Amino acid sequence: MRARLDREAGPGMTLRYTAELVQQSPLGASTTGRVELFDHANAEAGWVEIGQIDLMFSHLDQNMAGAEFPEHNFVFSESFRTLLRSSGIACDF
């Protein structure tokens, strides 16, 4: 994983997130994404890239060869689901 964020956004600024699935297979996937900022107080600058991320994911299955995987290996752990619920997002997974 590689990520960078060059600056923060302030009030009244607009962020645009773009993601691309670079590769996908039964074993995993890789993605790339970027964060762009539009500062309405400096509209002539247009959209400016302020961040980028490259991520790799493994497709793990709890039933893979009968192996047990610890919960910390999964993005959607109970802690993450609690965070989503407290933000008002339904998460029935």
N, C-alpha and C. Protein backbone atom coordinates (compact mmCIF):
# COMPACT_ATOMS: atom_id res chain seq x y z
N MET A 1 0.84 -1.18 0.00
CA MET A 1 0.00 0.00 0.00
C MET A 1 0.88 1.23 0.00
N ARG A 2 0.48 2.21 -0.76
CA ARG A 2 1.17 3.49 -0.80
C ARG A 2 0.09 4.56 -0.81
N ALA A 3 0.26 5.55 0.04
CA ALA A 3 -0.71 6.65 0.09
C ALA A 3 0.01 7.94 0.39
N ARG A 4 -0.49 9.02 -0.18
CA ARG A 4 0.05 10.34 0.14
C ARG A 4 -1.09 11.34 0.11
N LEU A 5 -0.99 12.32 0.97
CA LEU A 5 -1.93 13.44 1.00
C LEU A 5 -1.08 14.69 1.17
N ASP A 6 -1.09 15.56 0.18
CA ASP A 6 -0.20 16.71 0.16
C ASP A 6 -0.71 17.90 0.97
N ARG A 7 -2.01 17.99 1.14
CA ARG A 7 -2.56 19.12 1.89
C ARG A 7 -3.95 18.77 2.38
N GLU A 8 -4.47 19.59 3.27
CA GLU A 8 -5.82 19.40 3.79
C GLU A 8 -6.79 20.29 3.03
N ALA A 9 -8.06 19.90 3.05
CA ALA A 9 -9.12 20.72 2.47
C ALA A 9 -9.70 21.60 3.56
N GLY A 10 -10.14 22.77 3.17
CA GLY A 10 -10.75 23.70 4.12
C GLY A 10 -12.23 23.88 3.85
N PRO A 11 -12.90 24.65 4.69
CA PRO A 11 -14.33 24.91 4.51
C PRO A 11 -14.62 25.51 3.14
N GLY A 12 -15.68 25.04 2.50
CA GLY A 12 -16.09 25.57 1.21
C GLY A 12 -15.37 24.94 0.02
N MET A 13 -14.37 24.12 0.27
CA MET A 13 -13.66 23.44 -0.82
C MET A 13 -14.38 22.14 -1.15
N THR A 14 -14.23 21.68 -2.38
CA THR A 14 -14.87 20.45 -2.82
C THR A 14 -13.79 19.41 -3.10
N LEU A 15 -14.03 18.17 -2.63
CA LEU A 15 -13.11 17.07 -2.90
C LEU A 15 -13.75 16.11 -3.89
N ARG A 16 -12.93 15.59 -4.79
CA ARG A 16 -13.39 14.58 -5.75
C ARG A 16 -12.47 13.36 -5.61
N TYR A 17 -13.09 12.20 -5.40
CA TYR A 17 -12.35 10.95 -5.26
C TYR A 17 -12.56 10.12 -6.51
N THR A 18 -11.48 9.63 -7.10
CA THR A 18 -11.55 8.79 -8.28
C THR A 18 -10.81 7.49 -7.98
N ALA A 19 -11.45 6.36 -8.25
CA ALA A 19 -10.83 5.06 -8.00
C ALA A 19 -10.88 4.21 -9.26
N GLU A 20 -9.86 3.39 -9.44
CA GLU A 20 -9.79 2.51 -10.60
C GLU A 20 -9.36 1.13 -10.14
N LEU A 21 -10.07 0.12 -10.59
CA LEU A 21 -9.69 -1.26 -10.34
C LEU A 21 -8.64 -1.63 -11.38
N VAL A 22 -7.40 -1.82 -10.95
CA VAL A 22 -6.30 -2.06 -11.88
C VAL A 22 -6.23 -3.53 -12.28
N GLN A 23 -6.39 -4.42 -11.31
CA GLN A 23 -6.28 -5.85 -11.56
C GLN A 23 -7.17 -6.59 -10.58
N GLN A 24 -7.82 -7.66 -11.06
CA GLN A 24 -8.65 -8.48 -10.18
C GLN A 24 -8.50 -9.94 -10.57
N SER A 25 -8.38 -10.79 -9.56
CA SER A 25 -8.29 -12.23 -9.77
C SER A 25 -8.98 -12.92 -8.60
N PRO A 26 -9.14 -14.23 -8.66
CA PRO A 26 -9.75 -14.93 -7.52
C PRO A 26 -8.94 -14.78 -6.22
N LEU A 27 -7.67 -14.44 -6.32
CA LEU A 27 -6.82 -14.32 -5.13
C LEU A 27 -6.79 -12.92 -4.54
N GLY A 28 -7.11 -11.91 -5.34
CA GLY A 28 -7.05 -10.55 -4.82
C GLY A 28 -7.27 -9.51 -5.90
N ALA A 29 -6.99 -8.27 -5.54
CA ALA A 29 -7.18 -7.16 -6.48
C ALA A 29 -6.23 -6.03 -6.12
N SER A 30 -5.97 -5.18 -7.09
CA SER A 30 -5.21 -3.97 -6.82
C SER A 30 -5.98 -2.79 -7.39
N THR A 31 -5.91 -1.68 -6.67
CA THR A 31 -6.63 -0.47 -7.06
C THR A 31 -5.70 0.73 -6.96
N THR A 32 -6.08 1.77 -7.64
CA THR A 32 -5.38 3.03 -7.52
C THR A 32 -6.44 4.12 -7.43
N GLY A 33 -6.11 5.18 -6.77
CA GLY A 33 -7.08 6.26 -6.63
C GLY A 33 -6.40 7.59 -6.42
N ARG A 34 -7.17 8.65 -6.64
CA ARG A 34 -6.61 9.98 -6.39
C ARG A 34 -7.66 10.87 -5.77
N VAL A 35 -7.17 11.88 -5.07
CA VAL A 35 -8.02 12.87 -4.42
C VAL A 35 -7.71 14.21 -5.08
N GLU A 36 -8.75 14.89 -5.55
CA GLU A 36 -8.58 16.20 -6.16
C GLU A 36 -9.39 17.23 -5.38
N LEU A 37 -8.89 18.44 -5.36
CA LEU A 37 -9.51 19.52 -4.61
C LEU A 37 -9.88 20.66 -5.55
N PHE A 38 -11.07 21.21 -5.34
CA PHE A 38 -11.49 22.41 -6.06
C PHE A 38 -11.74 23.49 -5.02
N ASP A 39 -10.93 24.54 -5.08
CA ASP A 39 -11.05 25.66 -4.14
C ASP A 39 -11.87 26.74 -4.83
N HIS A 40 -13.11 26.94 -4.39
CA HIS A 40 -14.00 27.90 -5.03
C HIS A 40 -13.48 29.33 -4.92
N ALA A 41 -12.65 29.60 -3.93
CA ALA A 41 -12.05 30.93 -3.78
C ALA A 41 -10.93 31.15 -4.80
N ASN A 42 -10.47 30.06 -5.42
CA ASN A 42 -9.40 30.13 -6.41
C ASN A 42 -9.81 29.26 -7.61
N ALA A 43 -11.01 29.53 -8.13
CA ALA A 43 -11.61 28.69 -9.17
C ALA A 43 -10.77 28.58 -10.43
N GLU A 44 -9.99 29.60 -10.74
CA GLU A 44 -9.18 29.55 -11.97
C GLU A 44 -8.13 28.45 -11.93
N ALA A 45 -7.79 27.96 -10.75
CA ALA A 45 -6.82 26.87 -10.63
C ALA A 45 -7.42 25.53 -11.05
N GLY A 46 -8.76 25.45 -11.05
CA GLY A 46 -9.42 24.20 -11.43
C GLY A 46 -9.19 23.10 -10.40
N TRP A 47 -9.36 21.86 -10.82
CA TRP A 47 -9.16 20.71 -9.94
C TRP A 47 -7.66 20.47 -9.78
N VAL A 48 -7.21 20.33 -8.55
CA VAL A 48 -5.80 20.11 -8.24
C VAL A 48 -5.67 18.79 -7.48
N GLU A 49 -4.80 17.91 -7.96
CA GLU A 49 -4.58 16.65 -7.25
C GLU A 49 -3.84 16.92 -5.95
N ILE A 50 -4.40 16.42 -4.85
CA ILE A 50 -3.76 16.61 -3.55
C ILE A 50 -3.43 15.29 -2.87
N GLY A 51 -3.79 14.17 -3.48
CA GLY A 51 -3.49 12.89 -2.86
C GLY A 51 -3.64 11.74 -3.83
N GLN A 52 -3.00 10.63 -3.45
CA GLN A 52 -3.05 9.44 -4.29
C GLN A 52 -2.90 8.22 -3.39
N ILE A 53 -3.50 7.10 -3.80
CA ILE A 53 -3.39 5.86 -3.04
C ILE A 53 -3.35 4.68 -3.98
N ASP A 54 -2.53 3.70 -3.64
CA ASP A 54 -2.48 2.41 -4.32
C ASP A 54 -2.71 1.35 -3.25
N LEU A 55 -3.70 0.48 -3.46
CA LEU A 55 -4.04 -0.55 -2.49
C LEU A 55 -4.08 -1.93 -3.14
N MET A 56 -3.72 -2.93 -2.36
CA MET A 56 -3.86 -4.32 -2.77
C MET A 56 -4.77 -5.01 -1.76
N PHE A 57 -5.63 -5.88 -2.26
CA PHE A 57 -6.57 -6.61 -1.43
C PHE A 57 -6.40 -8.11 -1.66
N SER A 58 -6.53 -8.88 -0.60
CA SER A 58 -6.59 -10.34 -0.70
C SER A 58 -8.04 -10.76 -0.53
N HIS A 59 -8.46 -11.71 -1.34
CA HIS A 59 -9.80 -12.27 -1.19
C HIS A 59 -9.69 -13.48 -0.27
N LEU A 60 -10.01 -13.29 0.99
CA LEU A 60 -9.96 -14.38 1.96
C LEU A 60 -11.37 -14.89 2.20
N ASP A 61 -11.48 -16.18 2.34
CA ASP A 61 -12.76 -16.82 2.60
C ASP A 61 -12.63 -17.60 3.90
N GLN A 62 -13.55 -17.41 4.81
CA GLN A 62 -13.50 -18.12 6.09
C GLN A 62 -13.50 -19.63 5.89
N ASN A 63 -13.94 -20.11 4.73
CA ASN A 63 -14.01 -21.55 4.49
C ASN A 63 -12.84 -22.07 3.66
N MET A 64 -11.84 -21.24 3.39
CA MET A 64 -10.70 -21.67 2.58
C MET A 64 -9.96 -22.81 3.28
N ALA A 65 -10.05 -23.99 2.71
CA ALA A 65 -9.34 -25.17 3.21
C ALA A 65 -9.55 -25.38 4.70
N GLY A 66 -10.68 -24.92 5.22
CA GLY A 66 -10.97 -25.10 6.63
C GLY A 66 -10.14 -24.23 7.55
N ALA A 67 -9.37 -23.30 7.00
CA ALA A 67 -8.50 -22.45 7.82
C ALA A 67 -9.32 -21.39 8.54
N GLU A 68 -8.88 -21.05 9.71
CA GLU A 68 -9.50 -19.98 10.49
C GLU A 68 -8.66 -18.72 10.32
N PHE A 69 -9.29 -17.59 10.08
CA PHE A 69 -8.58 -16.33 9.95
C PHE A 69 -8.99 -15.41 11.09
N PRO A 70 -8.03 -14.76 11.73
CA PRO A 70 -8.39 -13.83 12.81
C PRO A 70 -9.16 -12.64 12.27
N GLU A 71 -10.06 -12.08 13.09
CA GLU A 71 -10.91 -10.97 12.65
C GLU A 71 -10.09 -9.77 12.19
N HIS A 72 -8.90 -9.54 12.76
CA HIS A 72 -8.12 -8.36 12.36
C HIS A 72 -7.65 -8.43 10.91
N ASN A 73 -7.80 -9.57 10.24
CA ASN A 73 -7.46 -9.69 8.83
C ASN A 73 -8.55 -9.16 7.91
N PHE A 74 -9.69 -8.79 8.47
CA PHE A 74 -10.83 -8.40 7.65
C PHE A 74 -11.16 -6.93 7.84
N VAL A 75 -11.44 -6.24 6.74
CA VAL A 75 -11.76 -4.82 6.76
C VAL A 75 -13.04 -4.57 7.56
N PHE A 76 -14.04 -5.41 7.36
CA PHE A 76 -15.34 -5.18 7.98
C PHE A 76 -15.43 -5.89 9.33
N SER A 77 -14.52 -5.55 10.23
CA SER A 77 -14.54 -6.11 11.58
C SER A 77 -15.70 -5.51 12.36
N GLU A 78 -15.97 -6.05 13.52
CA GLU A 78 -17.06 -5.53 14.34
C GLU A 78 -16.80 -4.08 14.72
N SER A 79 -15.55 -3.71 14.94
CA SER A 79 -15.22 -2.31 15.26
C SER A 79 -15.60 -1.39 14.11
N PHE A 80 -15.32 -1.82 12.88
CA PHE A 80 -15.64 -1.01 11.71
C PHE A 80 -17.15 -0.91 11.53
N ARG A 81 -17.85 -2.02 11.74
CA ARG A 81 -19.32 -2.00 11.63
C ARG A 81 -19.93 -1.08 12.68
N THR A 82 -19.37 -1.07 13.89
CA THR A 82 -19.85 -0.17 14.95
C THR A 82 -19.65 1.28 14.54
N LEU A 83 -18.51 1.59 13.94
CA LEU A 83 -18.24 2.94 13.46
C LEU A 83 -19.27 3.34 12.40
N LEU A 84 -19.55 2.45 11.46
CA LEU A 84 -20.55 2.74 10.43
C LEU A 84 -21.92 2.97 11.04
N ARG A 85 -22.32 2.09 11.96
CA ARG A 85 -23.64 2.24 12.60
C ARG A 85 -23.74 3.57 13.34
N SER A 86 -22.68 3.96 14.05
CA SER A 86 -22.72 5.22 14.81
C SER A 86 -22.78 6.43 13.88
N SER A 87 -22.42 6.23 12.61
CA SER A 87 -22.50 7.30 11.61
C SER A 87 -23.83 7.28 10.88
N GLY A 88 -24.73 6.35 11.28
CA GLY A 88 -26.04 6.29 10.65
C GLY A 88 -26.10 5.43 9.40
N ILE A 89 -25.08 4.61 9.17
CA ILE A 89 -25.04 3.77 7.97
C ILE A 89 -25.44 2.36 8.35
N ALA A 90 -26.44 1.82 7.65
CA ALA A 90 -26.87 0.44 7.90
C ALA A 90 -25.81 -0.51 7.36
N CYS A 91 -25.42 -1.48 8.16
CA CYS A 91 -24.42 -2.45 7.71
C CYS A 91 -24.82 -3.83 8.20
N ASP A 92 -25.46 -4.57 7.31
CA ASP A 92 -25.92 -5.91 7.63
C ASP A 92 -25.02 -6.95 6.97
N PHE A 93 -23.73 -6.81 7.16
CA PHE A 93 -22.77 -7.77 6.59
C PHE A 93 -21.85 -8.27 7.65
